Amino acid sequence: MKLKEHACVVLTDDLPAEGLMAGDAGTIIHVHRNHDAYEVEFMTMAGSTVAVATVLAPQVRPVGRHDIAHVRELARP
């Protein structure tokens, strides 16, 4: 599936180096050639950027109409 910039997506894999977990939601801010990868911004519910990560296409999926928001607190260093 080819996703577009500004699409809301959900991680399907953990990204431990970024402190992100499968199920975290983000917004695509850049589409790499052939839609093989995306730059995705992940933010807190208060609007602070947590990470901007490069993810491969299989590591995200579009937000579905039956998805529900869920909040988790970030681990503190």
PDB file of N, CA and C in Angstrom:
ATOM      1  N   MET A   1       0.841  -1.179   0.000  1.00  0.00           N
ATOM      2  CA  MET A   1       0.000   0.000   0.000  1.00  0.00           C
ATOM      3  C   MET A   1       0.882   1.237   0.000  1.00  0.00           C
ATOM      4  N   LYS A   2       0.577   2.174  -0.858  1.00  0.00           N
ATOM      5  CA  LYS A   2       1.343   3.414  -0.931  1.00  0.00           C
ATOM      6  C   LYS A   2       0.685   4.462  -0.049  1.00  0.00           C
ATOM      7  N   LEU A   3       1.405   4.855   0.981  1.00  0.00           N
ATOM      8  CA  LEU A   3       0.905   5.869   1.908  1.00  0.00           C
ATOM      9  C   LEU A   3       1.406   7.237   1.472  1.00  0.00           C
ATOM     10  N   LYS A   4       0.672   8.273   1.843  1.00  0.00           N
ATOM     11  CA  LYS A   4       1.006   9.638   1.436  1.00  0.00           C
ATOM     12  C   LYS A   4       1.494  10.462   2.622  1.00  0.00           C
ATOM     13  N   GLU A   5       2.183  11.572   2.307  1.00  0.00           N
ATOM     14  CA  GLU A   5       2.578  12.504   3.357  1.00  0.00           C
ATOM     15  C   GLU A   5       1.350  12.956   4.120  1.00  0.00           C
ATOM     16  N   HIS A   6       1.511  13.151   5.405  1.00  0.00           N
ATOM     17  CA  HIS A   6       0.482  13.595   6.341  1.00  0.00           C
ATOM     18  C   HIS A   6      -0.503  12.487   6.727  1.00  0.00           C
ATOM     19  N   ALA A   7      -0.290  11.265   6.224  1.00  0.00           N
ATOM     20  CA  ALA A   7      -1.143  10.151   6.622  1.00  0.00           C
ATOM     21  C   ALA A   7      -0.794   9.737   8.049  1.00  0.00           C
ATOM     22  N   CYS A   8      -1.805   9.400   8.820  1.00  0.00           N
ATOM     23  CA  CYS A   8      -1.595   8.862  10.161  1.00  0.00           C
ATOM     24  C   CYS A   8      -1.362   7.366  10.031  1.00  0.00           C
ATOM     25  N   VAL A   9      -0.311   6.892  10.701  1.00  0.00           N
ATOM     26  CA  VAL A   9       0.057   5.481  10.611  1.00  0.00           C
ATOM     27  C   VAL A   9       0.297   4.902  11.999  1.00  0.00           C
ATOM     28  N   VAL A  10       0.316   3.582  12.056  1.00  0.00           N
ATOM     29  CA  VAL A  10       0.550   2.847  13.296  1.00  0.00           C
ATOM     30  C   VAL A  10       1.759   1.942  13.095  1.00  0.00           C
ATOM     31  N   LEU A  11       2.673   1.961  14.049  1.00  0.00           N
ATOM     32  CA  LEU A  11       3.827   1.057  13.988  1.00  0.00           C
ATOM     33  C   LEU A  11       3.377  -0.387  14.155  1.00  0.00           C
ATOM     34  N   THR A  12       3.969  -1.273  13.370  1.00  0.00           N
ATOM     35  CA  THR A  12       3.681  -2.698  13.518  1.00  0.00           C
ATOM     36  C   THR A  12       4.841  -3.430  14.198  1.00  0.00           C
ATOM     37  N   ASP A  13       5.973  -2.745  14.355  1.00  0.00           N
ATOM     38  CA  ASP A  13       7.157  -3.304  15.019  1.00  0.00           C
ATOM     39  C   ASP A  13       7.638  -2.331  16.089  1.00  0.00           C
ATOM     40  N   ASP A  14       8.280  -2.848  17.128  1.00  0.00           N
ATOM     41  CA  ASP A  14       8.941  -1.988  18.107  1.00  0.00           C
ATOM     42  C   ASP A  14      10.168  -1.349  17.458  1.00  0.00           C
ATOM     43  N   LEU A  15      10.470  -0.115  17.862  1.00  0.00           N
ATOM     44  CA  LEU A  15      11.704   0.567  17.473  1.00  0.00           C
ATOM     45  C   LEU A  15      12.408   0.982  18.766  1.00  0.00           C
ATOM     46  N   PRO A  16      13.082   0.031  19.420  1.00  0.00           N
ATOM     47  CA  PRO A  16      13.665   0.287  20.735  1.00  0.00           C
ATOM     48  C   PRO A  16      14.650   1.448  20.764  1.00  0.00           C
ATOM     49  N   ALA A  17      15.432   1.629  19.717  1.00  0.00           N
ATOM     50  CA  ALA A  17      16.412   2.717  19.691  1.00  0.00           C
ATOM     51  C   ALA A  17      15.724   4.078  19.752  1.00  0.00           C
ATOM     52  N   GLU A  18      14.482   4.143  19.317  1.00  0.00           N
ATOM     53  CA  GLU A  18      13.717   5.388  19.323  1.00  0.00           C
ATOM     54  C   GLU A  18      12.771   5.481  20.521  1.00  0.00           C
ATOM     55  N   GLY A  19      12.703   4.402  21.305  1.00  0.00           N
ATOM     56  CA  GLY A  19      11.770   4.369  22.429  1.00  0.00           C
ATOM     57  C   GLY A  19      10.330   4.192  21.996  1.00  0.00           C
ATOM     58  N   LEU A  20      10.126   3.604  20.810  1.00  0.00           N
ATOM     59  CA  LEU A  20       8.779   3.426  20.259  1.00  0.00           C
ATOM     60  C   LEU A  20       8.376   1.956  20.280  1.00  0.00           C
ATOM     61  N   MET A  21       7.073   1.740  20.399  1.00  0.00           N
ATOM     62  CA  MET A  21       6.542   0.378  20.474  1.00  0.00           C
ATOM     63  C   MET A  21       5.470   0.175  19.409  1.00  0.00           C
ATOM     64  N   ALA A  22       5.324  -1.078  18.994  1.00  0.00           N
ATOM     65  CA  ALA A  22       4.237  -1.414  18.069  1.00  0.00           C
ATOM     66  C   ALA A  22       2.936  -0.877  18.652  1.00  0.00           C
ATOM     67  N   GLY A  23       2.146  -0.264  17.812  1.00  0.00           N
ATOM     68  CA  GLY A  23       0.892   0.334  18.257  1.00  0.00           C
ATOM     69  C   GLY A  23       0.980   1.845  18.412  1.00  0.00           C
ATOM     70  N   ASP A  24       2.206   2.401  18.511  1.00  0.00           N
ATOM     71  CA  ASP A  24       2.354   3.848  18.586  1.00  0.00           C
ATOM     72  C   ASP A  24       1.938   4.457  17.242  1.00  0.00           C
ATOM     73  N   ALA A  25       1.307   5.611  17.297  1.00  0.00           N
ATOM     74  CA  ALA A  25       0.828   6.281  16.091  1.00  0.00           C
ATOM     75  C   ALA A  25       1.711   7.468  15.763  1.00  0.00           C
ATOM     76  N   GLY A  26       1.854   7.734  14.476  1.00  0.00           N
ATOM     77  CA  GLY A  26       2.643   8.867  14.018  1.00  0.00           C
ATOM     78  C   GLY A  26       2.093   9.399  12.711  1.00  0.00           C
ATOM     79  N   THR A  27       2.772  10.415  12.192  1.00  0.00           N
ATOM     80  CA  THR A  27       2.365  11.059  10.951  1.00  0.00           C
ATOM     81  C   THR A  27       3.516  11.020   9.961  1.00  0.00           C
ATOM     82  N   ILE A  28       3.238  10.603   8.747  1.00  0.00           N
ATOM     83  CA  ILE A  28       4.262  10.568   7.709  1.00  0.00           C
ATOM     84  C   ILE A  28       4.614  11.998   7.319  1.00  0.00           C
ATOM     85  N   ILE A  29       5.920  12.307   7.374  1.00  0.00           N
ATOM     86  CA  ILE A  29       6.361  13.642   6.982  1.00  0.00           C
ATOM     87  C   ILE A  29       7.201  13.619   5.705  1.00  0.00           C
ATOM     88  N   HIS A  30       7.592  12.427   5.257  1.00  0.00           N
ATOM     89  CA  HIS A  30       8.327  12.304   3.994  1.00  0.00           C
ATOM     90  C   HIS A  30       8.157  10.890   3.463  1.00  0.00           C
ATOM     91  N   VAL A  31       7.964  10.791   2.162  1.00  0.00           N
ATOM     92  CA  VAL A  31       7.850   9.493   1.497  1.00  0.00           C
ATOM     93  C   VAL A  31       9.123   9.268   0.687  1.00  0.00           C
ATOM     94  N   HIS A  32       9.825   8.168   0.962  1.00  0.00           N
ATOM     95  CA  HIS A  32      11.023   7.843   0.192  1.00  0.00           C
ATOM     96  C   HIS A  32      10.627   7.219  -1.143  1.00  0.00           C
ATOM     97  N   ARG A  33      11.561   7.235  -2.057  1.00  0.00           N
ATOM     98  CA  ARG A  33      11.310   6.733  -3.410  1.00  0.00           C
ATOM     99  C   ARG A  33      10.658   5.348  -3.396  1.00  0.00           C
ATOM    100  N   ASN A  34       9.710   5.165  -4.271  1.00  0.00           N
ATOM    101  CA  ASN A  34       8.988   3.894  -4.438  1.00  0.00           C
ATOM    102  C   ASN A  34       8.210   3.472  -3.200  1.00  0.00           C
ATOM    103  N   HIS A  35       8.050   4.368  -2.236  1.00  0.00           N
ATOM    104  CA  HIS A  35       7.296   4.072  -1.014  1.00  0.00           C
ATOM    105  C   HIS A  35       7.892   2.896  -0.239  1.00  0.00           C
ATOM    106  N   ASP A  36       9.211   2.692  -0.390  1.00  0.00           N
ATOM    107  CA  ASP A  36       9.890   1.616   0.340  1.00  0.00           C
ATOM    108  C   ASP A  36      10.058   1.961   1.816  1.00  0.00           C
ATOM    109  N   ALA A  37      10.119   3.267   2.122  1.00  0.00           N
ATOM    110  CA  ALA A  37      10.318   3.715   3.494  1.00  0.00           C
ATOM    111  C   ALA A  37       9.683   5.090   3.670  1.00  0.00           C
ATOM    112  N   TYR A  38       9.485   5.442   4.940  1.00  0.00           N
ATOM    113  CA  TYR A  38       8.847   6.717   5.276  1.00  0.00           C
ATOM    114  C   TYR A  38       9.574   7.351   6.451  1.00  0.00           C
ATOM    115  N   GLU A  39       9.571   8.672   6.491  1.00  0.00           N
ATOM    116  CA  GLU A  39       9.974   9.400   7.690  1.00  0.00           C
ATOM    117  C   GLU A  39       8.681   9.664   8.448  1.00  0.00           C
ATOM    118  N   VAL A  40       8.633   9.249   9.696  1.00  0.00           N
ATOM    119  CA  VAL A  40       7.417   9.383  10.494  1.00  0.00           C
ATOM    120  C   VAL A  40       7.734  10.145  11.768  1.00  0.00           C
ATOM    121  N   GLU A  41       6.897  11.129  12.070  1.00  0.00           N
ATOM    122  CA  GLU A  41       7.045  11.886  13.311  1.00  0.00           C
ATOM    123  C   GLU A  41       6.091  11.316  14.345  1.00  0.00           C
ATOM    124  N   PHE A  42       6.626  11.048  15.508  1.00  0.00           N
ATOM    125  CA  PHE A  42       5.839  10.534  16.628  1.00  0.00           C
ATOM    126  C   PHE A  42       5.826  11.608  17.705  1.00  0.00           C
ATOM    127  N   MET A  43       4.644  11.904  18.218  1.00  0.00           N
ATOM    128  CA  MET A  43       4.484  12.990  19.176  1.00  0.00           C
ATOM    129  C   MET A  43       3.702  12.519  20.391  1.00  0.00           C
ATOM    130  N   THR A  44       3.911  13.244  21.505  1.00  0.00           N
ATOM    131  CA  THR A  44       3.077  12.999  22.678  1.00  0.00           C
ATOM    132  C   THR A  44       1.693  13.581  22.403  1.00  0.00           C
ATOM    133  N   MET A  45       0.747  13.232  23.233  1.00  0.00           N
ATOM    134  CA  MET A  45      -0.607  13.778  23.082  1.00  0.00           C
ATOM    135  C   MET A  45      -0.617  15.284  23.326  1.00  0.00           C
ATOM    136  N   ALA A  46       0.401  15.808  24.013  1.00  0.00           N
ATOM    137  CA  ALA A  46       0.499  17.237  24.286  1.00  0.00           C
ATOM    138  C   ALA A  46       1.206  17.994  23.158  1.00  0.00           C
ATOM    139  N   GLY A  47       1.672  17.275  22.126  1.00  0.00           N
ATOM    140  CA  GLY A  47       2.248  17.928  20.966  1.00  0.00           C
ATOM    141  C   GLY A  47       3.750  18.030  20.921  1.00  0.00           C
ATOM    142  N   SER A  48       4.464  17.376  21.827  1.00  0.00           N
ATOM    143  CA  SER A  48       5.929  17.384  21.807  1.00  0.00           C
ATOM    144  C   SER A  48       6.432  16.225  20.958  1.00  0.00           C
ATOM    145  N   THR A  49       7.391  16.503  20.090  1.00  0.00           N
ATOM    146  CA  THR A  49       7.952  15.449  19.256  1.00  0.00           C
ATOM    147  C   THR A  49       8.785  14.500  20.116  1.00  0.00           C
ATOM    148  N   VAL A  50       8.518  13.210  19.972  1.00  0.00           N
ATOM    149  CA  VAL A  50       9.260  12.165  20.671  1.00  0.00           C
ATOM    150  C   VAL A  50      10.393  11.674  19.778  1.00  0.00           C
ATOM    151  N   ALA A  51      10.068  11.452  18.500  1.00  0.00           N
ATOM    152  CA  ALA A  51      11.059  10.933  17.559  1.00  0.00           C
ATOM    153  C   ALA A  51      10.604  11.196  16.138  1.00  0.00           C
ATOM    154  N   VAL A  52      11.588  11.347  15.263  1.00  0.00           N
ATOM    155  CA  VAL A  52      11.366  11.303  13.823  1.00  0.00           C
ATOM    156  C   VAL A  52      12.179  10.111  13.368  1.00  0.00           C
ATOM    157  N   ALA A  53      11.494   9.094  12.859  1.00  0.00           N
ATOM    158  CA  ALA A  53      12.153   7.834  12.543  1.00  0.00           C
ATOM    159  C   ALA A  53      11.942   7.444  11.088  1.00  0.00           C
ATOM    160  N   THR A  54      12.964   6.842  10.507  1.00  0.00           N
ATOM    161  CA  THR A  54      12.825   6.241   9.188  1.00  0.00           C
ATOM    162  C   THR A  54      12.326   4.822   9.398  1.00  0.00           C
ATOM    163  N   VAL A  55      11.200   4.501   8.805  1.00  0.00           N
ATOM    164  CA  VAL A  55      10.624   3.164   8.950  1.00  0.00           C
ATOM    165  C   VAL A  55      10.398   2.554   7.574  1.00  0.00           C
ATOM    166  N   LEU A  56      10.607   1.262   7.479  1.00  0.00           N
ATOM    167  CA  LEU A  56      10.329   0.545   6.236  1.00  0.00           C
ATOM    168  C   LEU A  56       8.826   0.390   6.080  1.00  0.00           C
ATOM    169  N   ALA A  57       8.374   0.287   4.850  1.00  0.00           N
ATOM    170  CA  ALA A  57       6.941   0.189   4.572  1.00  0.00           C
ATOM    171  C   ALA A  57       6.248  -0.912   5.390  1.00  0.00           C
ATOM    172  N   PRO A  58       6.847  -2.107   5.553  1.00  0.00           N
ATOM    173  CA  PRO A  58       6.167  -3.145   6.336  1.00  0.00           C
ATOM    174  C   PRO A  58       6.083  -2.853   7.842  1.00  0.00           C
ATOM    175  N   GLN A  59       6.782  -1.813   8.312  1.00  0.00           N
ATOM    176  CA  GLN A  59       6.784  -1.504   9.741  1.00  0.00           C
ATOM    177  C   GLN A  59       5.652  -0.560  10.150  1.00  0.00           C
ATOM    178  N   VAL A  60       4.857  -0.123   9.192  1.00  0.00           N
ATOM    179  CA  VAL A  60       3.712   0.743   9.500  1.00  0.00           C
ATOM    180  C   VAL A  60       2.495   0.303   8.709  1.00  0.00           C
ATOM    181  N   ARG A  61       1.352   0.702   9.229  1.00  0.00           N
ATOM    182  CA  ARG A  61       0.100   0.478   8.510  1.00  0.00           C
ATOM    183  C   ARG A  61      -0.746   1.726   8.686  1.00  0.00           C
ATOM    184  N   PRO A  62      -1.684   1.938   7.771  1.00  0.00           N
ATOM    185  CA  PRO A  62      -2.550   3.102   7.944  1.00  0.00           C
ATOM    186  C   PRO A  62      -3.462   2.918   9.154  1.00  0.00           C
ATOM    187  N   VAL A  63      -3.869   4.025   9.736  1.00  0.00           N
ATOM    188  CA  VAL A  63      -4.851   3.976  10.819  1.00  0.00           C
ATOM    189  C   VAL A  63      -6.160   3.454  10.219  1.00  0.00           C
ATOM    190  N   GLY A  64      -6.763   2.498  10.897  1.00  0.00           N
ATOM    191  CA  GLY A  64      -8.010   1.907  10.408  1.00  0.00           C
ATOM    192  C   GLY A  64      -9.233   2.516  11.071  1.00  0.00           C
ATOM    193  N   ARG A  65     -10.343   2.353  10.441  1.00  0.00           N
ATOM    194  CA  ARG A  65     -11.574   2.957  10.957  1.00  0.00           C
ATOM    195  C   ARG A  65     -12.046   2.322  12.253  1.00  0.00           C
ATOM    196  N   HIS A  66     -11.511   1.165  12.613  1.00  0.00           N
ATOM    197  CA  HIS A  66     -11.900   0.517  13.864  1.00  0.00           C
ATOM    198  C   HIS A  66     -10.815   0.632  14.940  1.00  0.00           C
ATOM    199  N   ASP A  67      -9.755   1.403  14.648  1.00  0.00           N
ATOM    200  CA  ASP A  67      -8.703   1.633  15.648  1.00  0.00           C
ATOM    201  C   ASP A  67      -9.213   2.611  16.703  1.00  0.00           C
ATOM    202  N   ILE A  68      -8.720   2.449  17.908  1.00  0.00           N
ATOM    203  CA  ILE A  68      -9.057   3.358  18.995  1.00  0.00           C
ATOM    204  C   ILE A  68      -7.756   3.872  19.606  1.00  0.00           C
ATOM    205  N   ALA A  69      -7.743   5.140  19.970  1.00  0.00           N
ATOM    206  CA  ALA A  69      -6.538   5.710  20.573  1.00  0.00           C
ATOM    207  C   ALA A  69      -6.310   5.097  21.952  1.00  0.00           C
ATOM    208  N   HIS A  70      -5.046   4.899  22.276  1.00  0.00           N
ATOM    209  CA  HIS A  70      -4.653   4.352  23.559  1.00  0.00           C
ATOM    210  C   HIS A  70      -3.411   5.101  24.007  1.00  0.00           C
ATOM    211  N   VAL A  71      -3.332   5.462  25.256  1.00  0.00           N
ATOM    212  CA  VAL A  71      -2.213   6.262  25.739  1.00  0.00           C
ATOM    213  C   VAL A  71      -1.296   5.413  26.613  1.00  0.00           C
ATOM    214  N   ARG A  72       0.007   5.591  26.428  1.00  0.00           N
ATOM    215  CA  ARG A  72       1.000   4.996  27.318  1.00  0.00           C
ATOM    216  C   ARG A  72       1.984   6.088  27.679  1.00  0.00           C
ATOM    217  N   GLU A  73       2.518   6.005  28.872  1.00  0.00           N
ATOM    218  CA  GLU A  73       3.502   6.994  29.316  1.00  0.00           C
ATOM    219  C   GLU A  73       4.876   6.563  28.860  1.00  0.00           C
ATOM    220  N   LEU A  74       5.654   7.515  28.354  1.00  0.00           N
ATOM    221  CA  LEU A  74       7.014   7.212  27.915  1.00  0.00           C
ATOM    222  C   LEU A  74       7.880   6.827  29.104  1.00  0.00           C
ATOM    223  N   ALA A  75       8.772   5.881  28.855  1.00  0.00           N
ATOM    224  CA  ALA A  75       9.743   5.511  29.882  1.00  0.00           C
ATOM    225  C   ALA A  75      10.672   6.700  30.100  1.00  0.00           C
ATOM    226  N   ARG A  76      10.978   6.991  31.332  1.00  0.00           N
ATOM    227  CA  ARG A  76      11.883   8.107  31.635  1.00  0.00           C
ATOM    228  C   ARG A  76      13.291   7.592  31.755  1.00  0.00           C
ATOM    229  N   PRO A  77      14.272   8.332  31.176  1.00  0.00           N
ATOM    230  CA  PRO A  77      15.668   7.863  31.217  1.00  0.00           C
ATOM    231  C   PRO A  77      16.246   7.844  32.626  1.00  0.00           C
TER     232      PRO A  77
END
